[in-house]
Amino acid sequence: MPTPPSRRSGVTRHDDPLVFLAAARAAYAKDPATESQYAAQAYVLVQHPAAAADRIHLATCAEGAAVQRGDGPALIGSSTPQAAMLLADDLADDWPQLQGVVGSVEGCLAFARRWRERTGRQHRLSLRLRQHRLTAVRPLPAVPGRPRVAGADDAAWIVAAQLAFIDETGVSDPPADARVIVPRRAAAGEYWLWERDGPVAYAGFADAAPGTARIAPVYTDTAFRRRGYATALVAALSRELLARGKAALFLATDVANRTANGIYARVGFEPICEQAHFSFSDAGAVAGGGGRC
């Protein structure tokens, strides 16, 4: 029998990912990109249950919600500034070493400022994220090679590529998580590869709400870039997901990454909103890659 939710200072914590998703509705109302983010997190937890030692934080309040796993950032979506401060207070009690927060600019600023008050840790803007939606794939020129579903035997190549992706982009995904999560997702068929005498690019996806999915991550080996492989792969994967009955697909890009934004625009993704990713560090350790707010 599921453990009932616990309540703390206006915030309700959840053990059941689907109960959390229903309770988080106020944090994604009229915001399909944010809904897909929460839903993808919830469905991943249902499809790939966390180990007993894994840290999972699912919390909701009147106008907001937060999900946080392991050493990753807290996702607060469209939580209002007031809700974001409540969520920060709740999380600070148990996890003051939190590495960052992702969501609307206003909500993240409120969360980060309260985090500094509670923990003394400073914040800087690491990334401006652009959320995109696709409902139909545009015609594209053919490129050499073919797409295929990755399997368990491809996990080692994908892990190496994912570690390169983390190093290159500076995203806060812990490298240790890739070594655990990638083989599990590969065995479940949640990665696709572009094959040309061996894999040259990969793309992952996760179910979100019943009629949607999120595509992430996407990466091309540095030796094979600017040849259209990632564009062709994302297009092929998108066509397959739409053919399975998905009404819309979502993904996020770094606003400053013109190459990625160009790839997805050619496939048919359209920008719908922007978010912020703030990173936290101890006082005196903030340097480079953005600014304090």
Protein backbone atom coordinates (compact mmCIF):
# COMPACT_ATOMS: atom_id res chain seq x y z
CA MET A 1 0.00 0.00 0.00
CA PRO A 2 1.49 3.41 -0.98
CA THR A 3 2.77 5.65 1.79
CA PRO A 4 0.43 8.65 2.20
CA PRO A 5 1.86 12.07 1.28
CA SER A 6 3.49 14.07 4.08
CA ARG A 7 2.85 17.78 4.65
CA ARG A 8 5.40 20.34 5.75
CA SER A 9 4.86 24.13 5.95
CA GLY A 10 2.33 24.32 3.12
CA VAL A 11 4.26 21.80 0.99
CA THR A 12 3.11 18.23 0.36
CA ARG A 13 5.72 15.57 -0.34
CA HIS A 14 4.80 12.54 -2.41
CA ASP A 15 6.05 8.97 -2.78
CA ASP A 16 3.84 8.05 -5.75
CA PRO A 17 5.02 9.74 -9.00
CA LEU A 18 1.56 9.70 -10.58
CA VAL A 19 -0.08 11.19 -7.49
CA PHE A 20 2.62 13.87 -7.60
CA LEU A 21 1.88 14.53 -11.28
CA ALA A 22 -1.82 15.04 -10.60
CA ALA A 23 -1.09 17.30 -7.63
CA ALA A 24 1.42 19.34 -9.68
CA ARG A 25 -1.28 20.49 -12.11
CA ALA A 26 -1.17 24.08 -10.80
CA ALA A 27 2.51 24.28 -11.75
CA TYR A 28 1.91 23.39 -15.40
CA ALA A 29 -1.62 24.62 -16.13
CA LYS A 30 -1.75 26.06 -19.68
CA ASP A 31 1.97 25.28 -20.10
CA PRO A 32 2.35 22.10 -22.18
CA ALA A 33 6.16 22.18 -22.19
CA THR A 34 6.32 22.24 -18.40
CA GLU A 35 3.63 19.55 -18.20
CA SER A 36 5.77 17.34 -20.43
CA GLN A 37 8.80 17.90 -18.17
CA TYR A 38 6.96 16.84 -15.01
CA ALA A 39 5.20 14.00 -16.79
CA ALA A 40 8.44 12.65 -18.26
CA GLN A 41 10.02 12.61 -14.81
CA ALA A 42 7.00 10.86 -13.31
CA TYR A 43 6.70 8.23 -16.06
CA VAL A 44 10.43 7.47 -15.94
CA LEU A 45 10.08 6.78 -12.21
CA VAL A 46 7.13 4.48 -12.92
CA GLN A 47 8.85 2.65 -15.77
CA HIS A 48 12.28 2.53 -14.12
CA PRO A 49 11.73 2.53 -10.34
CA ALA A 50 14.54 4.09 -8.37
CA ALA A 51 16.75 1.99 -6.15
CA ALA A 52 16.16 2.26 -2.42
CA ALA A 53 19.31 4.37 -2.00
CA ASP A 54 18.40 6.86 -4.76
CA ARG A 55 17.37 10.32 -3.70
CA ILE A 56 13.92 11.28 -5.07
CA HIS A 57 12.18 14.50 -4.03
CA LEU A 58 8.60 15.10 -5.22
CA ALA A 59 6.79 18.05 -3.65
CA THR A 60 3.78 20.24 -4.41
CA CYS A 61 2.15 23.32 -2.95
CA ALA A 62 -0.79 25.54 -3.88
CA GLU A 63 0.84 27.12 -6.95
CA GLY A 64 3.93 25.07 -7.57
CA ALA A 65 5.77 21.77 -7.68
CA ALA A 66 9.34 20.51 -7.48
CA VAL A 67 10.99 17.30 -8.60
CA GLN A 68 14.63 16.55 -7.86
CA ARG A 69 16.67 13.36 -8.24
CA GLY A 70 20.11 12.38 -7.00
CA ASP A 71 22.57 15.22 -7.39
CA GLY A 72 20.56 16.92 -10.15
CA PRO A 73 18.88 20.33 -10.09
CA ALA A 74 15.34 20.92 -8.85
CA LEU A 75 12.75 21.31 -11.59
CA ILE A 76 10.11 23.85 -10.52
CA GLY A 77 8.49 24.52 -13.91
CA SER A 78 5.95 27.34 -13.87
CA SER A 79 5.75 27.59 -10.07
CA THR A 80 4.90 31.10 -8.96
CA PRO A 81 7.61 33.07 -7.11
CA GLN A 82 5.71 32.62 -3.83
CA ALA A 83 5.46 28.86 -4.39
CA ALA A 84 9.11 28.69 -5.42
CA MET A 85 10.14 30.18 -2.08
CA LEU A 86 8.05 27.62 -0.20
CA LEU A 87 9.59 24.81 -2.22
CA ALA A 88 13.09 26.19 -1.52
CA ASP A 89 12.39 26.31 2.21
CA ASP A 90 11.18 22.73 2.17
CA LEU A 91 14.13 21.37 0.20
CA ALA A 92 16.73 23.39 2.14
CA ASP A 93 15.83 21.48 5.30
CA ASP A 94 17.04 18.20 3.79
CA TRP A 95 19.33 18.97 0.86
CA PRO A 96 21.31 22.21 1.31
CA GLN A 97 23.92 20.97 -1.17
CA LEU A 98 21.41 21.24 -4.05
CA GLN A 99 23.28 22.05 -7.27
CA GLY A 100 20.69 24.20 -9.05
CA VAL A 101 17.14 24.96 -10.13
CA VAL A 102 15.35 24.91 -13.51
CA GLY A 103 12.08 26.56 -14.48
CA SER A 104 10.55 29.92 -15.29
CA VAL A 105 12.91 32.86 -14.86
CA GLU A 106 10.74 34.51 -12.21
CA GLY A 107 10.25 31.32 -10.22
CA CYS A 108 13.93 30.38 -10.38
CA LEU A 109 15.03 33.83 -9.25
CA ALA A 110 12.70 33.66 -6.25
CA PHE A 111 13.91 30.13 -5.44
CA ALA A 112 17.59 31.11 -5.80
CA ARG A 113 17.30 34.21 -3.65
CA ARG A 114 15.55 32.26 -0.91
CA TRP A 115 18.20 29.54 -1.26
CA ARG A 116 20.92 32.11 -0.62
CA GLU A 117 19.06 33.34 2.46
CA ARG A 118 18.66 29.80 3.80
CA THR A 119 22.01 28.25 2.90
CA GLY A 120 24.40 31.12 2.12
CA ARG A 121 25.03 29.59 -1.31
CA GLN A 122 25.20 31.94 -4.26
CA HIS A 123 23.65 31.47 -7.68
CA ARG A 124 24.54 32.17 -11.27
CA LEU A 125 22.73 31.75 -14.54
CA SER A 126 24.17 28.64 -16.22
CA LEU A 127 21.80 28.33 -19.17
CA ARG A 128 18.84 29.95 -20.78
CA LEU A 129 16.70 27.10 -22.04
CA ARG A 130 14.23 27.25 -24.92
CA GLN A 131 11.35 24.79 -24.92
CA HIS A 132 10.13 23.57 -28.33
CA ARG A 133 7.08 21.64 -29.54
CA LEU A 134 6.58 19.57 -32.71
CA THR A 135 3.36 18.18 -34.17
CA ALA A 136 4.53 17.33 -37.73
CA VAL A 137 7.94 16.56 -39.24
CA ARG A 138 9.03 18.67 -42.19
CA PRO A 139 10.46 17.13 -45.39
CA LEU A 140 14.24 16.87 -45.23
CA PRO A 141 16.97 15.89 -47.71
CA ALA A 142 18.32 12.36 -47.39
CA VAL A 143 21.70 11.80 -45.74
CA PRO A 144 23.90 8.68 -45.83
CA GLY A 145 23.21 6.04 -43.24
CA ARG A 146 20.11 4.85 -41.44
CA PRO A 147 18.37 5.11 -38.07
CA ARG A 148 17.95 2.14 -35.77
CA VAL A 149 16.82 1.40 -32.26
CA ALA A 150 19.75 1.01 -29.88
CA GLY A 151 19.97 -2.11 -27.77
CA ALA A 152 21.80 -3.28 -24.68
CA ASP A 153 24.94 -3.97 -26.77
CA ASP A 154 25.11 -0.25 -27.66
CA ALA A 155 25.08 0.94 -24.06
CA ALA A 156 28.87 1.35 -23.75
CA TRP A 157 29.02 3.59 -26.84
CA ILE A 158 26.08 5.67 -25.61
CA VAL A 159 27.59 6.05 -22.12
CA ALA A 160 30.83 7.37 -23.64
CA ALA A 161 28.86 9.75 -25.85
CA GLN A 162 26.73 10.90 -22.93
CA LEU A 163 29.83 11.63 -20.84
CA ALA A 164 31.23 13.65 -23.75
CA PHE A 165 27.90 15.50 -23.99
CA ILE A 166 28.01 16.35 -20.26
CA ASP A 167 31.61 17.55 -20.52
CA GLU A 168 30.95 19.64 -23.63
CA THR A 169 27.69 21.30 -22.58
CA GLY A 170 28.34 21.70 -18.87
CA VAL A 171 24.90 20.34 -17.92
CA SER A 172 24.59 19.33 -14.30
CA ASP A 173 23.81 15.64 -14.92
CA PRO A 174 26.16 13.63 -12.67
CA PRO A 175 28.45 11.42 -14.81
CA ALA A 176 27.93 8.50 -12.43
CA ASP A 177 24.21 8.57 -13.21
CA ALA A 178 24.90 8.05 -16.92
CA ARG A 179 26.68 4.78 -16.21
CA VAL A 180 23.59 3.51 -14.36
CA ILE A 181 20.72 5.05 -16.33
CA VAL A 182 21.98 4.63 -19.90
CA PRO A 183 22.19 0.80 -19.89
CA ARG A 184 18.72 0.61 -18.35
CA ARG A 185 17.22 2.93 -20.98
CA ALA A 186 19.09 1.24 -23.82
CA ALA A 187 17.70 -2.14 -22.80
CA ALA A 188 14.21 -0.59 -22.83
CA GLY A 189 14.63 0.73 -26.39
CA GLU A 190 14.63 4.40 -25.37
CA TYR A 191 17.61 5.39 -27.54
CA TRP A 192 17.95 5.59 -31.29
CA LEU A 193 21.22 5.67 -33.22
CA TRP A 194 22.20 7.01 -36.62
CA GLU A 195 24.31 4.28 -38.15
CA ARG A 196 26.97 4.77 -40.81
CA ASP A 197 29.65 2.10 -40.56
CA GLY A 198 28.97 2.24 -36.84
CA PRO A 199 27.03 4.70 -34.67
CA VAL A 200 27.71 8.41 -35.26
CA ALA A 201 24.86 10.06 -33.32
CA TYR A 202 22.26 9.14 -30.74
CA ALA A 203 18.95 10.48 -29.44
CA GLY A 204 16.90 9.46 -26.43
CA PHE A 205 13.23 9.92 -25.63
CA ALA A 206 10.88 9.53 -22.68
CA ASP A 207 7.11 9.22 -22.56
CA ALA A 208 5.47 12.22 -20.95
CA ALA A 209 1.69 12.63 -20.76
CA PRO A 210 -0.12 9.80 -22.57
CA GLY A 211 -0.17 11.77 -25.82
CA THR A 212 3.28 13.36 -25.67
CA ALA A 213 6.99 12.55 -25.34
CA ARG A 214 10.22 14.44 -24.74
CA ILE A 215 13.33 13.96 -26.86
CA ALA A 216 16.64 14.17 -24.97
CA PRO A 217 19.54 13.96 -25.09
CA VAL A 218 20.78 14.35 -28.67
CA TYR A 219 24.49 14.13 -29.49
CA THR A 220 26.71 13.65 -32.54
CA ASP A 221 30.28 12.37 -32.30
CA THR A 222 32.58 15.35 -32.89
CA ALA A 223 34.21 13.62 -35.88
CA PHE A 224 30.88 13.40 -37.73
CA ARG A 225 29.28 16.79 -37.24
CA ARG A 226 27.79 19.15 -39.85
CA ARG A 227 26.70 16.26 -42.05
CA GLY A 228 23.02 16.23 -41.13
CA TYR A 229 23.10 13.05 -39.04
CA ALA A 230 21.48 14.52 -35.90
CA THR A 231 18.82 16.25 -37.99
CA ALA A 232 17.99 13.02 -39.83
CA LEU A 233 17.99 11.02 -36.59
CA VAL A 234 15.68 13.39 -34.70
CA ALA A 235 13.37 13.51 -37.72
CA ALA A 236 13.22 9.71 -37.93
CA LEU A 237 12.62 9.31 -34.19
CA SER A 238 9.96 12.05 -34.27
CA ARG A 239 8.12 10.39 -37.14
CA GLU A 240 8.10 7.10 -35.25
CA LEU A 241 6.80 8.67 -32.03
CA LEU A 242 4.05 10.52 -33.90
CA ALA A 243 3.15 7.28 -35.70
CA ARG A 244 2.75 5.61 -32.30
CA GLY A 245 0.03 8.12 -31.49
CA LYS A 246 1.90 10.96 -29.83
CA ALA A 247 0.11 14.23 -30.56
CA ALA A 248 3.10 16.43 -29.72
CA LEU A 249 6.80 16.11 -28.95
CA PHE A 250 8.89 18.44 -26.80
CA LEU A 251 12.56 19.18 -26.28
CA ALA A 252 14.79 21.87 -24.80
CA THR A 253 17.81 23.69 -26.20
CA ASP A 254 20.38 26.15 -24.95
CA VAL A 255 19.20 29.52 -26.32
CA ALA A 256 22.82 30.33 -27.24
CA ASN A 257 23.35 27.11 -29.22
CA ARG A 258 22.53 28.17 -32.78
CA THR A 259 23.44 24.78 -34.21
CA ALA A 260 20.97 22.88 -32.04
CA ASN A 261 18.22 25.44 -32.53
CA GLY A 262 18.77 25.25 -36.29
CA ILE A 263 18.61 21.45 -36.31
CA TYR A 264 15.30 21.33 -34.51
CA ALA A 265 13.77 24.15 -36.53
CA ARG A 266 14.54 22.22 -39.73
CA VAL A 267 12.83 19.14 -38.30
CA GLY A 268 9.72 21.16 -37.43
CA PHE A 269 10.08 22.06 -33.76
CA GLU A 270 8.74 25.49 -32.84
CA PRO A 271 9.81 27.52 -29.77
CA ILE A 272 7.05 28.04 -27.22
CA CYS A 273 8.71 29.40 -24.06
CA GLU A 274 12.02 30.02 -22.30
CA GLN A 275 13.31 28.87 -18.93
CA ALA A 276 16.37 29.45 -16.77
CA HIS A 277 18.87 27.08 -15.17
CA PHE A 278 20.61 28.59 -12.13
CA SER A 279 23.56 26.80 -10.53
CA PHE A 280 24.44 27.11 -6.84
CA SER A 281 27.87 27.32 -5.29
CA ASP A 282 29.43 28.19 -1.95
CA ALA A 283 30.11 31.86 -1.26
CA GLY A 284 33.22 33.04 -3.08
CA ALA A 285 33.13 30.17 -5.59
CA VAL A 286 30.98 31.82 -8.29
CA ALA A 287 32.94 32.27 -11.51
CA GLY A 288 32.27 32.44 -15.24
CA GLY A 289 29.35 31.18 -17.32
CA GLY A 290 26.74 33.79 -16.49
CA GLY A 291 26.01 36.21 -13.70
CA ARG A 292 24.49 36.56 -10.29
CA CYS A 293 21.01 38.08 -10.10
